[in-house]
Structures are given as C-alpha cells and as structure tokens.
C-alpha cells in the first residue's frame, strides 16, 4: 500500500511522491510539495522515479562555464555548478509566480576526473613524489577525441564525482537556503583490446558523455569494476541523496515546513 491508501482522496495540486515510494521521513514530507529537478537529463529523472520521486522538470539556463582551474579541490567544481543551477531555477520560478514557489529545487552536476587522489590509486609512487593533478574529462569533441580518451582510461582508473545541491525557502534573506553533498565513485577499466575501443567509438554512445563512455549502456563492456555507487556513475547518487534529505528534515527547522 502506498502513501494514499486504498481510499479515494483528493490529490494535492503538486504530488511528486509516487505510490511505490518508501515511507522515509523526507519522502513523507514531500507529499503535496512542489519539487523541481533543474535538469533535462533523462537518466536523473529515471533514477529519481525508480525511488518514488517524480519532480517537475525545469532545466537550468545557467551556462556551465565555471573555470575548473579556479578550484583548489577539483571535487568542489561539480558542487559549485549544481548550486548555480539550483539557484537560477529557484529564483526564476519565484519571480514567475511567487504564489506557487518551489518547496524544493534539486540540481546535480557529474564530472569525470583523471588520476584519483592519494590512497585511491593503485599506481605506486615514491613517498615524497607529488601525485599528478586531477584533470576533468569533458565530452569528446569527435570520434578521434573519444578514442584518445578511452585509450588513456584503458586499464586504468577514473573518478566520477557528482555534486548535488538543493534550494528550499526560508524566512531569512535572501529567502532561500542552499545545501549540498558530493559523491565519488572509482571506475576501473579493463585492459581492453584496441578493436573493442574502436567498435565502441563507432557506436556513437560516448559522444555526448563526459569521459566518453556510458557505464549503463554498451560502455559497461569496457569496465572491470567500480568502487562506490553505481547510480552515481550513471548521473545521480540516489542512496546518498535520500539519506541527505532525511538529515535535512531532522536538522533544518525550515526544511519542507508547512
């Protein structure tokens, strides 16, 4: 039995919680709330729906042009991008219709980084040797670039990092609060034959994917194992996200308050 039981009830105007959702504290408080996903990603939408949350889709217009080199810790980059996305959508919707402002805006940004930091990499180095700097792997520009990326990753490890930010209304200025988390997953690539990498590039699947591969598709053939959350590699760390919402319910007085 779901949230609404077997009796016929009048559903609220906004109803993002699906019948199969678990009765966690946060999901129960989201019933009847206006929840927005500031992304047009079908993967993020589907992951959330799998766990019983069906937010409105309002893609952010924020141009993802933050300088990667401006972040001392590269893991802060996707969190900052997600925050800008969430704030842009929240402020836009409040300005468009103050009487129907969002109760929660969710935004995410996923990046693929090279060279995991010390302790996560199996590559040996001298004690006093500095680790190589992590660099971001963007979407490949063409097939040649895609093959170059996969050859660099072949037999190695990359780190997938997703930043998730939520914005919700509060009474204090500026009228909303921002909370964020990040999730990290290591992806280990098998030592693949050159012909397999070429065949994958020709499939075209990796052309619009950061790092040039999609683990949930044909790209799964290239991967030997992962350390961490699989959903994070797909594009949204659902397990951590829903635990995060429960923490906000417990610790933030204004979060999803009536």
C-alpha atoms as a PDB file:
ATOM      1  CA  UNK A   1       0.000   0.000   0.000  1.00  0.00           C
ATOM      2  CA  UNK A   2       1.315   3.452  -0.879  1.00  0.00           C
ATOM      3  CA  UNK A   3       1.099   6.822   0.812  1.00  0.00           C
ATOM      4  CA  UNK A   4      -2.546   7.404  -0.096  1.00  0.00           C
ATOM      5  CA  UNK A   5      -4.005   4.042   0.957  1.00  0.00           C
ATOM      6  CA  UNK A   6      -6.904   2.399  -0.832  1.00  0.00           C
ATOM      7  CA  UNK A   7      -9.496   5.151  -0.264  1.00  0.00           C
ATOM      8  CA  UNK A   8     -10.160   7.678  -2.971  1.00  0.00           C
ATOM      9  CA  UNK A   9      -8.737  11.016  -1.905  1.00  0.00           C
ATOM     10  CA  UNK A  10      -8.414  14.411  -3.486  1.00  0.00           C
ATOM     11  CA  UNK A  11      -4.806  14.704  -4.542  1.00  0.00           C
ATOM     12  CA  UNK A  12      -2.921  17.931  -3.871  1.00  0.00           C
ATOM     13  CA  UNK A  13      -2.020  20.307  -6.689  1.00  0.00           C
ATOM     14  CA  UNK A  14       1.568  19.118  -6.584  1.00  0.00           C
ATOM     15  CA  UNK A  15       2.184  15.452  -5.967  1.00  0.00           C
ATOM     16  CA  UNK A  16       5.780  14.360  -6.662  1.00  0.00           C
ATOM     17  CA  UNK A  17       5.766  11.245  -4.464  1.00  0.00           C
ATOM     18  CA  UNK A  18       4.808   8.077  -6.303  1.00  0.00           C
ATOM     19  CA  UNK A  19       2.805   5.207  -4.799  1.00  0.00           C
ATOM     20  CA  UNK A  20       5.762   2.838  -4.540  1.00  0.00           C
ATOM     21  CA  UNK A  21       7.988   5.267  -2.597  1.00  0.00           C
ATOM     22  CA  UNK A  22       9.311   4.135   0.762  1.00  0.00           C
ATOM     23  CA  UNK A  23       7.845   5.919   3.785  1.00  0.00           C
ATOM     24  CA  UNK A  24      11.016   7.723   4.777  1.00  0.00           C
ATOM     25  CA  UNK A  25      10.738  10.972   6.773  1.00  0.00           C
ATOM     26  CA  UNK A  26      11.721  13.167   3.847  1.00  0.00           C
ATOM     27  CA  UNK A  27       9.528  11.467   1.250  1.00  0.00           C
ATOM     28  CA  UNK A  28       6.521  11.682   3.538  1.00  0.00           C
ATOM     29  CA  UNK A  29       7.126  15.418   3.953  1.00  0.00           C
ATOM     30  CA  UNK A  30       7.419  15.817   0.170  1.00  0.00           C
ATOM     31  CA  UNK A  31       3.831  14.656  -0.400  1.00  0.00           C
ATOM     32  CA  UNK A  32       1.909  17.664  -1.734  1.00  0.00           C
ATOM     33  CA  UNK A  33       5.061  19.747  -2.190  1.00  0.00           C
ATOM     34  CA  UNK A  34       6.298  21.385  -5.375  1.00  0.00           C
ATOM     35  CA  UNK A  35       9.581  19.670  -6.192  1.00  0.00           C
ATOM     36  CA  UNK A  36      11.701  20.693  -9.170  1.00  0.00           C
ATOM     37  CA  UNK A  37      14.554  18.902 -10.912  1.00  0.00           C
ATOM     38  CA  UNK A  38      16.726  21.561 -12.556  1.00  0.00           C
ATOM     39  CA  UNK A  39      17.903  19.188 -15.251  1.00  0.00           C
ATOM     40  CA  UNK A  40      16.732  17.769 -18.547  1.00  0.00           C
ATOM     41  CA  UNK A  41      18.712  14.563 -18.016  1.00  0.00           C
ATOM     42  CA  UNK A  42      16.502  11.510 -18.609  1.00  0.00           C
ATOM     43  CA  UNK A  43      18.927   9.450 -16.518  1.00  0.00           C
ATOM     44  CA  UNK A  44      18.495  11.621 -13.423  1.00  0.00           C
ATOM     45  CA  UNK A  45      14.733  11.729 -13.922  1.00  0.00           C
ATOM     46  CA  UNK A  46      14.533   7.943 -14.228  1.00  0.00           C
ATOM     47  CA  UNK A  47      16.737   7.322 -11.192  1.00  0.00           C
ATOM     48  CA  UNK A  48      14.557   9.553  -9.018  1.00  0.00           C
ATOM     49  CA  UNK A  49      11.380   7.928 -10.326  1.00  0.00           C
ATOM     50  CA  UNK A  50      12.820   4.497  -9.515  1.00  0.00           C
ATOM     51  CA  UNK A  51      12.918   5.520  -5.865  1.00  0.00           C
ATOM     52  CA  UNK A  52       9.466   7.085  -5.935  1.00  0.00           C
ATOM     53  CA  UNK A  53      10.086  10.760  -6.631  1.00  0.00           C
ATOM     54  CA  UNK A  54       8.745  12.417  -9.788  1.00  0.00           C
ATOM     55  CA  UNK A  55       9.708  16.104  -9.714  1.00  0.00           C
ATOM     56  CA  UNK A  56       8.747  18.696 -12.289  1.00  0.00           C
ATOM     57  CA  UNK A  57      11.432  19.114 -14.924  1.00  0.00           C
ATOM     58  CA  UNK A  58      12.666  22.696 -15.286  1.00  0.00           C
ATOM     59  CA  UNK A  59      16.125  22.731 -16.902  1.00  0.00           C
ATOM     60  CA  UNK A  60      18.512  25.387 -15.674  1.00  0.00           C
ATOM     61  CA  UNK A  61      19.687  28.088 -18.070  1.00  0.00           C
ATOM     62  CA  UNK A  62      22.963  28.513 -16.166  1.00  0.00           C
ATOM     63  CA  UNK A  63      25.886  28.338 -18.579  1.00  0.00           C
ATOM     64  CA  UNK A  64      28.327  25.812 -17.199  1.00  0.00           C
ATOM     65  CA  UNK A  65      31.372  27.994 -17.696  1.00  0.00           C
ATOM     66  CA  UNK A  66      32.973  27.982 -14.246  1.00  0.00           C
ATOM     67  CA  UNK A  67      36.773  27.804 -14.618  1.00  0.00           C
ATOM     68  CA  UNK A  68      37.883  24.359 -13.484  1.00  0.00           C
ATOM     69  CA  UNK A  69      41.343  25.690 -12.675  1.00  0.00           C
ATOM     70  CA  UNK A  70      39.830  28.136 -10.204  1.00  0.00           C
ATOM     71  CA  UNK A  71      39.083  25.351  -7.721  1.00  0.00           C
ATOM     72  CA  UNK A  72      41.858  24.204  -5.423  1.00  0.00           C
ATOM     73  CA  UNK A  73      39.934  20.987  -4.814  1.00  0.00           C
ATOM     74  CA  UNK A  74      38.512  19.665  -8.113  1.00  0.00           C
ATOM     75  CA  UNK A  75      35.669  17.965  -6.231  1.00  0.00           C
ATOM     76  CA  UNK A  76      34.239  21.400  -5.458  1.00  0.00           C
ATOM     77  CA  UNK A  77      33.667  22.070  -9.153  1.00  0.00           C
ATOM     78  CA  UNK A  78      30.515  19.935  -9.684  1.00  0.00           C
ATOM     79  CA  UNK A  79      29.068  21.126  -6.365  1.00  0.00           C
ATOM     80  CA  UNK A  80      29.506  24.759  -7.405  1.00  0.00           C
ATOM     81  CA  UNK A  81      27.946  24.096 -10.811  1.00  0.00           C
ATOM     82  CA  UNK A  82      24.982  22.283  -9.240  1.00  0.00           C
ATOM     83  CA  UNK A  83      24.480  25.169  -6.829  1.00  0.00           C
ATOM     84  CA  UNK A  84      24.353  27.739  -9.614  1.00  0.00           C
ATOM     85  CA  UNK A  85      21.837  25.582 -11.494  1.00  0.00           C
ATOM     86  CA  UNK A  86      19.563  25.198  -8.474  1.00  0.00           C
ATOM     87  CA  UNK A  87      19.624  28.877  -7.521  1.00  0.00           C
ATOM     88  CA  UNK A  88      18.937  30.016 -11.095  1.00  0.00           C
ATOM     89  CA  UNK A  89      15.837  27.819 -11.352  1.00  0.00           C
ATOM     90  CA  UNK A  90      14.566  28.675  -7.871  1.00  0.00           C
ATOM     91  CA  UNK A  91      14.872  32.423  -8.386  1.00  0.00           C
ATOM     92  CA  UNK A  92      13.299  32.227 -11.852  1.00  0.00           C
ATOM     93  CA  UNK A  93      10.267  30.274 -10.665  1.00  0.00           C
ATOM     94  CA  UNK A  94       9.728  32.538  -7.651  1.00  0.00           C
ATOM     95  CA  UNK A  95       9.817  35.595  -9.917  1.00  0.00           C
ATOM     96  CA  UNK A  96       7.426  33.990 -12.398  1.00  0.00           C
ATOM     97  CA  UNK A  97       4.843  33.003  -9.790  1.00  0.00           C
ATOM     98  CA  UNK A  98       5.502  33.967  -6.155  1.00  0.00           C
ATOM     99  CA  UNK A  99       2.245  32.290  -5.081  1.00  0.00           C
ATOM    100  CA  UNK A 100       3.441  28.911  -6.342  1.00  0.00           C
ATOM    101  CA  UNK A 101       7.088  28.978  -5.392  1.00  0.00           C
ATOM    102  CA  UNK A 102       9.011  25.676  -5.272  1.00  0.00           C
ATOM    103  CA  UNK A 103       9.333  23.869  -1.969  1.00  0.00           C
ATOM    104  CA  UNK A 104      12.483  22.164  -3.180  1.00  0.00           C
ATOM    105  CA  UNK A 105      14.761  22.550  -6.195  1.00  0.00           C
ATOM    106  CA  UNK A 106      17.238  19.756  -6.925  1.00  0.00           C
ATOM    107  CA  UNK A 107      20.239  20.192  -9.207  1.00  0.00           C
ATOM    108  CA  UNK A 108      23.196  17.973  -9.989  1.00  0.00           C
ATOM    109  CA  UNK A 109      26.399  18.020 -11.979  1.00  0.00           C
ATOM    110  CA  UNK A 110      28.538  14.996 -12.761  1.00  0.00           C
ATOM    111  CA  UNK A 111      32.151  15.148 -13.873  1.00  0.00           C
ATOM    112  CA  UNK A 112      34.797  12.558 -14.666  1.00  0.00           C
ATOM    113  CA  UNK A 113      38.256  13.171 -13.242  1.00  0.00           C
ATOM    114  CA  UNK A 114      41.573  11.577 -14.114  1.00  0.00           C
ATOM    115  CA  UNK A 115      44.136  10.313 -11.600  1.00  0.00           C
ATOM    116  CA  UNK A 116      42.347   9.545  -8.329  1.00  0.00           C
ATOM    117  CA  UNK A 117      43.925  11.255  -5.306  1.00  0.00           C
ATOM    118  CA  UNK A 118      46.440   9.526  -2.989  1.00  0.00           C
ATOM    119  CA  UNK A 119      45.021   6.486  -1.224  1.00  0.00           C
ATOM    120  CA  UNK A 120      42.540   5.784  -4.011  1.00  0.00           C
ATOM    121  CA  UNK A 121      45.033   4.962  -6.745  1.00  0.00           C
ATOM    122  CA  UNK A 122      46.828   1.644  -7.052  1.00  0.00           C
ATOM    123  CA  UNK A 123      49.658   3.239  -9.044  1.00  0.00           C
ATOM    124  CA  UNK A 124      52.904   3.051  -6.957  1.00  0.00           C
ATOM    125  CA  UNK A 125      54.947   6.200  -6.352  1.00  0.00           C
ATOM    126  CA  UNK A 126      57.773   7.354  -4.079  1.00  0.00           C
ATOM    127  CA  UNK A 127      56.783   8.706  -0.675  1.00  0.00           C
ATOM    128  CA  UNK A 128      57.952  12.241  -1.447  1.00  0.00           C
ATOM    129  CA  UNK A 129      56.600  12.229  -5.011  1.00  0.00           C
ATOM    130  CA  UNK A 130      53.644  14.517  -5.597  1.00  0.00           C
ATOM    131  CA  UNK A 131      50.608  12.871  -7.221  1.00  0.00           C
ATOM    132  CA  UNK A 132      49.659  14.073 -10.693  1.00  0.00           C
ATOM    133  CA  UNK A 133      46.962  16.767 -10.680  1.00  0.00           C
ATOM    134  CA  UNK A 134      43.450  15.601 -11.396  1.00  0.00           C
ATOM    135  CA  UNK A 135      42.037  16.878 -14.645  1.00  0.00           C
ATOM    136  CA  UNK A 136      38.466  16.950 -15.861  1.00  0.00           C
ATOM    137  CA  UNK A 137      37.397  14.788 -18.772  1.00  0.00           C
ATOM    138  CA  UNK A 138      34.873  16.684 -20.862  1.00  0.00           C
ATOM    139  CA  UNK A 139      32.641  15.262 -23.582  1.00  0.00           C
ATOM    140  CA  UNK A 140      34.712  14.181 -26.602  1.00  0.00           C
ATOM    141  CA  UNK A 141      34.807  16.650 -29.479  1.00  0.00           C
ATOM    142  CA  UNK A 142      34.770  13.935 -32.154  1.00  0.00           C
ATOM    143  CA  UNK A 143      35.450  10.226 -32.692  1.00  0.00           C
ATOM    144  CA  UNK A 144      39.225  10.687 -32.613  1.00  0.00           C
ATOM    145  CA  UNK A 145      38.973  12.506 -29.306  1.00  0.00           C
ATOM    146  CA  UNK A 146      36.680   9.798 -27.930  1.00  0.00           C
ATOM    147  CA  UNK A 147      39.201   7.101 -28.850  1.00  0.00           C
ATOM    148  CA  UNK A 148      42.031   9.108 -27.297  1.00  0.00           C
ATOM    149  CA  UNK A 149      40.066   9.368 -24.025  1.00  0.00           C
ATOM    150  CA  UNK A 150      39.326   5.652 -23.927  1.00  0.00           C
ATOM    151  CA  UNK A 151      42.941   4.746 -24.667  1.00  0.00           C
ATOM    152  CA  UNK A 152      44.023   6.961 -21.766  1.00  0.00           C
ATOM    153  CA  UNK A 153      41.482   5.285 -19.466  1.00  0.00           C
ATOM    154  CA  UNK A 154      42.142   1.755 -20.731  1.00  0.00           C
ATOM    155  CA  UNK A 155      43.484  -0.450 -17.954  1.00  0.00           C
ATOM    156  CA  UNK A 156      43.342   2.481 -15.549  1.00  0.00           C
ATOM    157  CA  UNK A 157      41.019   4.239 -13.143  1.00  0.00           C
ATOM    158  CA  UNK A 158      38.959   7.398 -13.302  1.00  0.00           C
ATOM    159  CA  UNK A 159      36.883   9.092 -10.630  1.00  0.00           C
ATOM    160  CA  UNK A 160      33.254  10.078 -11.195  1.00  0.00           C
ATOM    161  CA  UNK A 161      32.095  12.915  -8.950  1.00  0.00           C
ATOM    162  CA  UNK A 162      28.535  14.204  -8.685  1.00  0.00           C
ATOM    163  CA  UNK A 163      27.649  17.359  -6.829  1.00  0.00           C
ATOM    164  CA  UNK A 164      24.020  17.660  -5.709  1.00  0.00           C
ATOM    165  CA  UNK A 165      22.580  20.920  -4.397  1.00  0.00           C
ATOM    166  CA  UNK A 166      19.108  21.625  -3.077  1.00  0.00           C
ATOM    167  CA  UNK A 167      17.448  25.003  -2.579  1.00  0.00           C
ATOM    168  CA  UNK A 168      14.451  25.493  -0.314  1.00  0.00           C
ATOM    169  CA  UNK A 169      12.615  28.545   1.066  1.00  0.00           C
ATOM    170  CA  UNK A 170      13.389  30.095   4.453  1.00  0.00           C
ATOM    171  CA  UNK A 171      12.252  33.295   6.169  1.00  0.00           C
ATOM    172  CA  UNK A 172      15.724  34.848   6.386  1.00  0.00           C
ATOM    173  CA  UNK A 173      17.267  36.801   3.490  1.00  0.00           C
ATOM    174  CA  UNK A 174      17.727  36.052   0.650  1.00  0.00           C
ATOM    175  CA  UNK A 175      14.636  33.897   1.149  1.00  0.00           C
ATOM    176  CA  UNK A 176      16.206  30.510   0.467  1.00  0.00           C
ATOM    177  CA  UNK A 177      18.886  28.195   1.782  1.00  0.00           C
ATOM    178  CA  UNK A 178      21.345  26.014  -0.142  1.00  0.00           C
ATOM    179  CA  UNK A 179      22.597  22.626   0.999  1.00  0.00           C
ATOM    180  CA  UNK A 180      24.939  20.363  -0.948  1.00  0.00           C
ATOM    181  CA  UNK A 181      26.596  16.970  -0.993  1.00  0.00           C
ATOM    182  CA  UNK A 182      29.072  15.236  -3.258  1.00  0.00           C
ATOM    183  CA  UNK A 183      29.512  11.582  -4.159  1.00  0.00           C
ATOM    184  CA  UNK A 184      32.670   9.939  -5.514  1.00  0.00           C
ATOM    185  CA  UNK A 185      32.960   6.629  -7.344  1.00  0.00           C
ATOM    186  CA  UNK A 186      36.033   4.980  -8.818  1.00  0.00           C
ATOM    187  CA  UNK A 187      35.621   3.299 -12.195  1.00  0.00           C
ATOM    188  CA  UNK A 188      38.215   0.661 -13.097  1.00  0.00           C
ATOM    189  CA  UNK A 189      38.657  -0.011 -16.795  1.00  0.00           C
ATOM    190  CA  UNK A 190      39.601  -3.434 -18.086  1.00  0.00           C
ATOM    191  CA  UNK A 191      42.626  -3.850 -20.334  1.00  0.00           C
ATOM    192  CA  UNK A 192      40.523  -3.785 -23.494  1.00  0.00           C
ATOM    193  CA  UNK A 193      41.619  -4.654 -27.000  1.00  0.00           C
ATOM    194  CA  UNK A 194      42.100  -1.697 -29.327  1.00  0.00           C
ATOM    195  CA  UNK A 195      39.456  -3.163 -31.629  1.00  0.00           C
ATOM    196  CA  UNK A 196      36.852  -3.118 -28.849  1.00  0.00           C
ATOM    197  CA  UNK A 197      37.558   0.530 -28.099  1.00  0.00           C
ATOM    198  CA  UNK A 198      37.260   1.375 -31.779  1.00  0.00           C
ATOM    199  CA  UNK A 199      33.978  -0.511 -32.029  1.00  0.00           C
ATOM    200  CA  UNK A 200      32.624   1.364 -29.023  1.00  0.00           C
ATOM    201  CA  UNK A 201      33.604   4.722 -30.508  1.00  0.00           C
ATOM    202  CA  UNK A 202      31.877   3.781 -33.761  1.00  0.00           C
ATOM    203  CA  UNK A 203      28.673   3.031 -31.834  1.00  0.00           C
ATOM    204  CA  UNK A 204      28.448   6.745 -31.033  1.00  0.00           C
ATOM    205  CA  UNK A 205      27.243   6.105 -27.487  1.00  0.00           C
ATOM    206  CA  UNK A 206      30.084   8.000 -25.829  1.00  0.00           C
ATOM    207  CA  UNK A 207      29.970  11.126 -27.978  1.00  0.00           C
ATOM    208  CA  UNK A 208      27.830  13.170 -25.571  1.00  0.00           C
ATOM    209  CA  UNK A 209      29.119  11.650 -22.310  1.00  0.00           C
ATOM    210  CA  UNK A 210      31.741  13.080 -20.003  1.00  0.00           C
ATOM    211  CA  UNK A 211      34.769  10.812 -20.232  1.00  0.00           C
ATOM    212  CA  UNK A 212      33.468   9.372 -23.497  1.00  0.00           C
ATOM    213  CA  UNK A 213      31.606   6.353 -22.072  1.00  0.00           C
ATOM    214  CA  UNK A 214      28.232   5.347 -20.602  1.00  0.00           C
ATOM    215  CA  UNK A 215      28.518   2.611 -17.980  1.00  0.00           C
ATOM    216  CA  UNK A 216      24.799   1.794 -18.123  1.00  0.00           C
ATOM    217  CA  UNK A 217      24.991   1.069 -21.849  1.00  0.00           C
ATOM    218  CA  UNK A 218      27.493  -0.550 -24.178  1.00  0.00           C
ATOM    219  CA  UNK A 219      30.259   1.179 -22.242  1.00  0.00           C
ATOM    220  CA  UNK A 220      29.745  -1.317 -19.449  1.00  0.00           C
ATOM    221  CA  UNK A 221      31.767  -3.761 -21.560  1.00  0.00           C
ATOM    222  CA  UNK A 222      34.855  -1.619 -21.028  1.00  0.00           C
ATOM    223  CA  UNK A 223      34.665  -1.579 -17.221  1.00  0.00           C
ATOM    224  CA  UNK A 224      36.044  -4.282 -14.913  1.00  0.00           C
ATOM    225  CA  UNK A 225      34.616  -2.981 -11.608  1.00  0.00           C
ATOM    226  CA  UNK A 226      33.607   0.104  -9.664  1.00  0.00           C
ATOM    227  CA  UNK A 227      34.261   1.220  -6.098  1.00  0.00           C
ATOM    228  CA  UNK A 228      31.242   3.110  -4.861  1.00  0.00           C
ATOM    229  CA  UNK A 229      27.741   3.971  -6.002  1.00  0.00           C
ATOM    230  CA  UNK A 230      26.794   2.710  -9.474  1.00  0.00           C
ATOM    231  CA  UNK A 231      23.926   5.211  -9.753  1.00  0.00           C
ATOM    232  CA  UNK A 232      26.436   7.987  -9.206  1.00  0.00           C
ATOM    233  CA  UNK A 233      28.300   6.957 -12.347  1.00  0.00           C
ATOM    234  CA  UNK A 234      25.018   6.961 -14.269  1.00  0.00           C
ATOM    235  CA  UNK A 235      24.385  10.523 -13.108  1.00  0.00           C
ATOM    236  CA  UNK A 236      22.691  10.755  -9.698  1.00  0.00           C
ATOM    237  CA  UNK A 237      23.713   9.306  -6.285  1.00  0.00           C
ATOM    238  CA  UNK A 238      20.214   8.326  -5.152  1.00  0.00           C
ATOM    239  CA  UNK A 239      21.116   6.480  -1.945  1.00  0.00           C
ATOM    240  CA  UNK A 240      23.157   9.357  -0.537  1.00  0.00           C
ATOM    241  CA  UNK A 241      20.625  11.912  -1.754  1.00  0.00           C
ATOM    242  CA  UNK A 242      17.635  10.430   0.069  1.00  0.00           C
ATOM    243  CA  UNK A 243      19.678   9.977   3.247  1.00  0.00           C
ATOM    244  CA  UNK A 244      20.715  13.626   2.835  1.00  0.00           C
ATOM    245  CA  UNK A 245      17.054  14.706   2.684  1.00  0.00           C
ATOM    246  CA  UNK A 246      16.306  12.793   5.893  1.00  0.00           C
ATOM    247  CA  UNK A 247      19.191  14.602   7.621  1.00  0.00           C
ATOM    248  CA  UNK A 248      17.777  17.943   6.469  1.00  0.00           C
ATOM    249  CA  UNK A 249      14.350  17.020   7.860  1.00  0.00           C
ATOM    250  CA  UNK A 250      15.973  16.308  11.214  1.00  0.00           C
ATOM    251  CA  UNK A 251      18.403  19.240  11.368  1.00  0.00           C
ATOM    252  CA  UNK A 252      16.849  22.116   9.377  1.00  0.00           C
ATOM    253  CA  UNK A 253      13.768  23.645  11.005  1.00  0.00           C
ATOM    254  CA  UNK A 254      12.631  25.393   7.808  1.00  0.00           C
ATOM    255  CA  UNK A 255      13.130  22.415   5.505  1.00  0.00           C
ATOM    256  CA  UNK A 256       9.800  21.432   3.907  1.00  0.00           C
ATOM    257  CA  UNK A 257       7.918  23.215   6.684  1.00  0.00           C
ATOM    258  CA  UNK A 258       4.217  23.860   6.102  1.00  0.00           C
END
